[in-house]
């Protein structure tokens, strides 16, 4: 079984002000996540501007996210 979903990469700040990148589904989420979400924790000291650049690059280069159950 394969689940496939298109995502948008969004930059958010966590409580300490550090940015991270959250994957938000465009239509519906992956059932395997149970309503949760995935995200990327960035290296300490990453600026919001750098995080936005990374998110834009990912958005350009990644079409969708998949989960495969063997």
C-alpha atoms as a PDB file:
ATOM      1  CA  UNK A   1       0.000   0.000   0.000  1.00  0.00           C
ATOM      2  CA  UNK A   2       1.299   3.456  -0.902  1.00  0.00           C
ATOM      3  CA  UNK A   3      -0.092   6.753   0.364  1.00  0.00           C
ATOM      4  CA  UNK A   4       0.973   9.817  -1.556  1.00  0.00           C
ATOM      5  CA  UNK A   5       0.183  13.459  -0.739  1.00  0.00           C
ATOM      6  CA  UNK A   6       1.220  16.842  -2.106  1.00  0.00           C
ATOM      7  CA  UNK A   7       2.614  19.154   0.554  1.00  0.00           C
ATOM      8  CA  UNK A   8       3.486  22.791   1.149  1.00  0.00           C
ATOM      9  CA  UNK A   9       6.666  23.552   3.104  1.00  0.00           C
ATOM     10  CA  UNK A  10       5.922  26.248   5.702  1.00  0.00           C
ATOM     11  CA  UNK A  11       8.381  27.978   8.006  1.00  0.00           C
ATOM     12  CA  UNK A  12       7.263  28.395  11.604  1.00  0.00           C
ATOM     13  CA  UNK A  13       8.986  29.479  14.795  1.00  0.00           C
ATOM     14  CA  UNK A  14       9.005  27.252  17.844  1.00  0.00           C
ATOM     15  CA  UNK A  15       8.673  28.698  21.353  1.00  0.00           C
ATOM     16  CA  UNK A  16      12.393  29.533  21.600  1.00  0.00           C
ATOM     17  CA  UNK A  17      12.247  31.556  18.357  1.00  0.00           C
ATOM     18  CA  UNK A  18      14.133  29.003  16.258  1.00  0.00           C
ATOM     19  CA  UNK A  19      12.577  28.290  12.838  1.00  0.00           C
ATOM     20  CA  UNK A  20      11.578  24.862  11.609  1.00  0.00           C
ATOM     21  CA  UNK A  21       9.882  23.657   8.421  1.00  0.00           C
ATOM     22  CA  UNK A  22       6.477  22.011   8.636  1.00  0.00           C
ATOM     23  CA  UNK A  23       5.014  19.864   5.841  1.00  0.00           C
ATOM     24  CA  UNK A  24       1.350  20.771   5.377  1.00  0.00           C
ATOM     25  CA  UNK A  25      -0.767  18.535   3.142  1.00  0.00           C
ATOM     26  CA  UNK A  26      -2.482  20.290   0.226  1.00  0.00           C
ATOM     27  CA  UNK A  27      -5.607  18.117   0.088  1.00  0.00           C
ATOM     28  CA  UNK A  28      -5.578  15.552   2.852  1.00  0.00           C
ATOM     29  CA  UNK A  29      -2.930  14.169   5.150  1.00  0.00           C
ATOM     30  CA  UNK A  30      -1.296  10.784   5.241  1.00  0.00           C
ATOM     31  CA  UNK A  31      -3.523   8.464   7.260  1.00  0.00           C
ATOM     32  CA  UNK A  32      -0.455   6.923   8.874  1.00  0.00           C
ATOM     33  CA  UNK A  33       0.177  10.233  10.686  1.00  0.00           C
ATOM     34  CA  UNK A  34      -3.200  10.098  12.416  1.00  0.00           C
ATOM     35  CA  UNK A  35      -3.883  13.807  11.985  1.00  0.00           C
ATOM     36  CA  UNK A  36      -0.330  14.777  12.968  1.00  0.00           C
ATOM     37  CA  UNK A  37       2.297  16.283  10.725  1.00  0.00           C
ATOM     38  CA  UNK A  38       5.945  16.050   9.749  1.00  0.00           C
ATOM     39  CA  UNK A  39       8.572  18.731  10.050  1.00  0.00           C
ATOM     40  CA  UNK A  40      12.268  19.439   9.723  1.00  0.00           C
ATOM     41  CA  UNK A  41      14.260  20.692  12.701  1.00  0.00           C
ATOM     42  CA  UNK A  42      16.955  23.042  11.428  1.00  0.00           C
ATOM     43  CA  UNK A  43      20.446  23.569  12.878  1.00  0.00           C
ATOM     44  CA  UNK A  44      20.642  25.948  15.833  1.00  0.00           C
ATOM     45  CA  UNK A  45      21.196  29.517  14.710  1.00  0.00           C
ATOM     46  CA  UNK A  46      19.374  29.127  11.383  1.00  0.00           C
ATOM     47  CA  UNK A  47      17.694  32.435  10.523  1.00  0.00           C
ATOM     48  CA  UNK A  48      14.125  32.820   9.347  1.00  0.00           C
ATOM     49  CA  UNK A  49      15.441  34.047   5.977  1.00  0.00           C
ATOM     50  CA  UNK A  50      17.591  30.938   5.546  1.00  0.00           C
ATOM     51  CA  UNK A  51      14.690  28.719   6.597  1.00  0.00           C
ATOM     52  CA  UNK A  52      12.487  30.431   3.977  1.00  0.00           C
ATOM     53  CA  UNK A  53      15.141  29.788   1.311  1.00  0.00           C
ATOM     54  CA  UNK A  54      15.325  26.116   2.288  1.00  0.00           C
ATOM     55  CA  UNK A  55      11.531  25.809   2.246  1.00  0.00           C
ATOM     56  CA  UNK A  56      11.341  27.445  -1.194  1.00  0.00           C
ATOM     57  CA  UNK A  57      14.006  25.068  -2.531  1.00  0.00           C
ATOM     58  CA  UNK A  58      12.151  22.039  -1.144  1.00  0.00           C
ATOM     59  CA  UNK A  59       8.868  23.304  -2.604  1.00  0.00           C
ATOM     60  CA  UNK A  60      10.498  23.604  -6.015  1.00  0.00           C
ATOM     61  CA  UNK A  61      12.220  20.210  -5.947  1.00  0.00           C
ATOM     62  CA  UNK A  62       9.790  17.896  -4.090  1.00  0.00           C
ATOM     63  CA  UNK A  63       6.474  17.065  -5.694  1.00  0.00           C
ATOM     64  CA  UNK A  64       4.929  14.913  -2.984  1.00  0.00           C
ATOM     65  CA  UNK A  65       5.539  12.850   0.150  1.00  0.00           C
ATOM     66  CA  UNK A  66       4.816   9.123   0.241  1.00  0.00           C
ATOM     67  CA  UNK A  67       4.439   6.415   2.827  1.00  0.00           C
ATOM     68  CA  UNK A  68       4.852   2.812   1.710  1.00  0.00           C
ATOM     69  CA  UNK A  69       3.697  -0.149   3.724  1.00  0.00           C
ATOM     70  CA  UNK A  70       5.544  -3.327   2.697  1.00  0.00           C
END
